[in-house]
Each structure stands twice: as C-alpha cells, then as structure tokens.
C-alpha cells in the first residue's frame, strides 16, 4: 500500500482558493510537471514563501473551505507533482475535495479543535495517514492521533491510486 504523509506545510488561513493554489494563467500548460514551479505562487500569507517553504513537504494542514473557487483539476495536479499527497482541513470545497480523491489523494476533514491542536505543535511537524484505519498521527514536540471519516468509495479511490486505477481494477 502507498504511504500517505510527510512533513507538514502549515497554512493558517481560511478560504484558500484554487487561483492561489495554481494561478489561472498557467492553466494552458499541457503537462502536470509544467505546473510544478507555480504551486501556491499567489498565496499571500505572512511568513510564507512558496519558493522555499514547499520543498520536501508531503502534507498541507489548513483551515476552513480549502480549494474554493473554480473547479479546476490543476489545483490537485500541482500538489501531486510537488509530492504533496494529503491535505488536512476543517472543510473543503466540494469539487476540490472530490478531485483529490479522484487523483488518489486523501482530503481529510478534522474538527476545528483538532486542527487547532495540530497548529500548536512546535518544531517540524510530521504527519502519517492510514486510510485503511482512518487515523492520522501528527508529531512535533509531542504526538497527536486523530480519527477521521472517509466513505468507502473515497477510501477505495485512495487505496487504488485514483479514479483511473480504480476503474481499471473494477471494470
């Protein structure tokens, strides 16, 4: 089974939209790898520098309504090519959330209090996700473990590696 997790990129803001994730001017690129350098290029967040802060991150932890805006799959693809394989938030825009699962990546919703607990961790934060057991562990200056819900179909998409791999196995 593929492992999910890695070093966490903490984006402490609500309503991060798809234009901030991947600006519309790059949607004419004809390959996923061509999107890689433009990830979060337009995100304005105190202390955040996309040129240096994204390197070697595998997880994004953020707040409410992540992925709002347009329904572009490019917003998930740019995470995929930058090796970000999990996004954890209080809530997601519906289409963005489903695009994550369709690409075989978990979009994990936690309660506001649980997200707050992750944001209080000091030092580098490492997160491990087990989609079969619906658990995640966040380690910083201490260790936190949370349970989350995935419906069976979304779990199957993640475990298969996305919609195309799932369809190949099923049909």
Protein backbone atom coordinates (compact mmCIF):
# COMPACT_ATOMS: atom_id res chain seq x y z
CA UNK A 1 0.00 0.00 0.00
CA UNK A 2 1.16 3.52 -0.77
CA UNK A 3 2.11 5.56 2.26
CA UNK A 4 0.49 8.92 2.87
CA UNK A 5 2.04 11.71 4.85
CA UNK A 6 5.30 13.53 5.32
CA UNK A 7 6.47 16.90 6.57
CA UNK A 8 3.62 19.33 7.04
CA UNK A 9 3.21 22.72 5.41
CA UNK A 10 1.07 24.74 7.82
CA UNK A 11 -1.16 27.26 6.03
CA UNK A 12 -3.06 29.01 8.79
CA UNK A 13 -5.87 30.61 6.81
CA UNK A 14 -9.48 30.02 5.73
CA UNK A 15 -10.72 30.12 2.14
CA UNK A 16 -7.52 29.36 0.23
CA UNK A 17 -8.85 29.25 -3.31
CA UNK A 18 -7.81 27.47 -6.48
CA UNK A 19 -6.39 30.68 -8.00
CA UNK A 20 -3.98 30.87 -5.08
CA UNK A 21 -3.14 27.16 -5.39
CA UNK A 22 -2.36 27.45 -9.12
CA UNK A 23 -2.92 30.78 -10.87
CA UNK A 24 -5.23 30.67 -13.89
CA UNK A 25 -2.53 31.98 -16.22
CA UNK A 26 -0.82 28.56 -16.01
CA UNK A 27 -3.87 26.51 -16.99
CA UNK A 28 -2.69 26.42 -20.60
CA UNK A 29 0.25 24.18 -19.62
CA UNK A 30 -0.19 20.81 -21.29
CA UNK A 31 1.50 18.58 -18.73
CA UNK A 32 1.32 18.17 -14.99
CA UNK A 33 5.09 18.62 -14.48
CA UNK A 34 4.91 22.02 -16.22
CA UNK A 35 2.73 23.23 -13.31
CA UNK A 36 5.28 22.33 -10.62
CA UNK A 37 7.11 25.66 -10.13
CA UNK A 38 3.89 27.68 -9.82
CA UNK A 39 2.39 25.99 -6.75
CA UNK A 40 0.85 28.48 -4.31
CA UNK A 41 2.56 31.30 -6.21
CA UNK A 42 -0.23 33.80 -5.48
CA UNK A 43 -0.90 32.77 -1.86
CA UNK A 44 -0.46 35.76 0.42
CA UNK A 45 0.21 34.64 3.97
CA UNK A 46 2.51 36.33 6.47
CA UNK A 47 5.82 34.49 6.66
CA UNK A 48 5.06 32.19 3.73
CA UNK A 49 7.45 31.96 0.78
CA UNK A 50 6.43 29.42 -1.87
CA UNK A 51 9.96 29.33 -3.28
CA UNK A 52 11.37 27.90 -0.05
CA UNK A 53 8.55 26.66 2.18
CA UNK A 54 7.12 23.92 -0.05
CA UNK A 55 10.31 21.90 -0.59
CA UNK A 56 10.14 18.40 0.88
CA UNK A 57 6.58 18.78 2.17
CA UNK A 58 4.09 15.94 1.79
CA UNK A 59 1.10 17.28 3.70
CA UNK A 60 -0.79 20.56 3.89
CA UNK A 61 -2.63 21.48 7.08
CA UNK A 62 -5.01 24.40 6.73
CA UNK A 63 -8.32 25.78 7.91
CA UNK A 64 -11.87 26.06 6.54
CA UNK A 65 -13.16 25.91 2.95
CA UNK A 66 -9.91 24.87 1.30
CA UNK A 67 -9.95 24.70 -2.51
CA UNK A 68 -12.84 27.09 -3.03
CA UNK A 69 -13.11 28.95 -6.32
CA UNK A 70 -13.11 27.28 -9.70
CA UNK A 71 -13.37 23.54 -10.25
CA UNK A 72 -10.01 23.03 -11.96
CA UNK A 73 -8.24 19.71 -11.52
CA UNK A 74 -4.97 21.58 -11.94
CA UNK A 75 -5.21 22.61 -8.27
CA UNK A 76 -4.82 18.97 -7.26
CA UNK A 77 -2.33 18.14 -10.01
CA UNK A 78 0.08 20.83 -8.81
CA UNK A 79 0.10 19.17 -5.37
CA UNK A 80 0.66 15.77 -6.97
CA UNK A 81 3.71 16.91 -8.98
CA UNK A 82 5.13 18.61 -5.88
CA UNK A 83 4.74 15.33 -3.93
CA UNK A 84 2.08 16.69 -1.59
CA UNK A 85 -0.13 13.66 -1.05
CA UNK A 86 -2.54 14.70 1.74
CA UNK A 87 -4.47 17.84 2.60
CA UNK A 88 -6.00 18.21 6.06
CA UNK A 89 -8.57 20.92 6.71
CA UNK A 90 -11.73 21.75 8.64
CA UNK A 91 -13.64 21.62 5.35
CA UNK A 92 -13.13 21.59 1.59
CA UNK A 93 -14.92 22.99 -1.40
CA UNK A 94 -16.97 20.06 -2.72
CA UNK A 95 -15.41 19.78 -6.18
CA UNK A 96 -11.83 20.25 -4.94
CA UNK A 97 -12.39 17.52 -2.33
CA UNK A 98 -13.66 15.08 -4.95
CA UNK A 99 -10.79 15.94 -7.31
CA UNK A 100 -8.39 14.97 -4.51
CA UNK A 101 -9.98 11.54 -4.19
CA UNK A 102 -10.22 11.12 -7.96
CA UNK A 103 -6.43 11.62 -8.08
CA UNK A 104 -5.92 9.09 -5.26
CA UNK A 105 -5.11 11.64 -2.55
CA UNK A 106 -6.91 11.88 0.78
CA UNK A 107 -8.69 15.12 1.67
CA UNK A 108 -9.11 14.72 5.41
CA UNK A 109 -11.58 16.78 7.40
CA UNK A 110 -10.95 17.28 11.10
CA UNK A 111 -12.82 19.31 13.69
CA UNK A 112 -11.69 22.88 14.26
CA UNK A 113 -10.33 21.95 17.69
CA UNK A 114 -8.24 19.14 16.21
CA UNK A 115 -6.82 21.44 13.52
CA UNK A 116 -6.03 23.95 16.29
CA UNK A 117 -4.15 21.20 18.18
CA UNK A 118 -2.01 20.44 15.11
CA UNK A 119 -1.21 24.14 14.70
CA UNK A 120 0.07 24.23 18.31
CA UNK A 121 2.76 21.63 17.63
CA UNK A 122 6.29 23.04 17.75
CA UNK A 123 9.23 22.22 15.53
CA UNK A 124 8.96 20.39 12.25
CA UNK A 125 5.64 18.53 12.09
CA UNK A 126 5.49 15.09 10.50
CA UNK A 127 2.15 13.52 9.69
CA UNK A 128 1.35 9.90 8.87
CA UNK A 129 -2.07 8.91 7.50
CA UNK A 130 -3.57 5.43 7.43
CA UNK A 131 -6.62 5.50 5.13
CA UNK A 132 -7.46 1.87 5.92
CA UNK A 133 -7.77 2.57 9.66
CA UNK A 134 -8.97 6.19 9.25
CA UNK A 135 -6.26 7.52 11.56
CA UNK A 136 -3.60 10.16 11.34
CA UNK A 137 -0.70 10.88 13.63
CA UNK A 138 0.95 14.28 13.86
CA UNK A 139 4.36 14.50 15.53
CA UNK A 140 6.11 17.70 16.55
CA UNK A 141 7.16 18.46 20.11
CA UNK A 142 4.53 15.87 21.07
CA UNK A 143 2.41 13.27 19.28
CA UNK A 144 -1.28 13.61 18.47
CA UNK A 145 -3.53 10.94 16.96
CA UNK A 146 -6.91 11.59 15.35
CA UNK A 147 -9.62 9.55 13.70
CA UNK A 148 -11.36 10.76 10.57
CA UNK A 149 -14.17 9.58 8.32
CA UNK A 150 -13.85 8.50 4.70
CA UNK A 151 -16.77 6.98 2.90
CA UNK A 152 -15.97 3.54 1.46
CA UNK A 153 -15.87 4.74 -2.15
CA UNK A 154 -13.44 7.58 -1.43
CA UNK A 155 -11.26 5.18 0.56
CA UNK A 156 -11.29 2.76 -2.38
CA UNK A 157 -10.22 5.57 -4.74
CA UNK A 158 -7.31 6.49 -2.45
CA UNK A 159 -6.20 2.89 -1.98
CA UNK A 160 -6.41 2.19 -5.72
CA UNK A 161 -4.38 5.28 -6.60
CA UNK A 162 -7.21 7.33 -8.08
CA UNK A 163 -10.24 7.01 -10.31
CA UNK A 164 -8.45 5.63 -13.38
CA UNK A 165 -6.65 2.93 -11.41
CA UNK A 166 -9.87 2.11 -9.57
CA UNK A 167 -11.79 1.78 -12.87
CA UNK A 168 -9.04 -0.43 -14.32
CA UNK A 169 -9.37 -2.80 -11.34
CA UNK A 170 -13.16 -2.81 -11.25
CA UNK A 171 -14.24 -2.74 -14.88
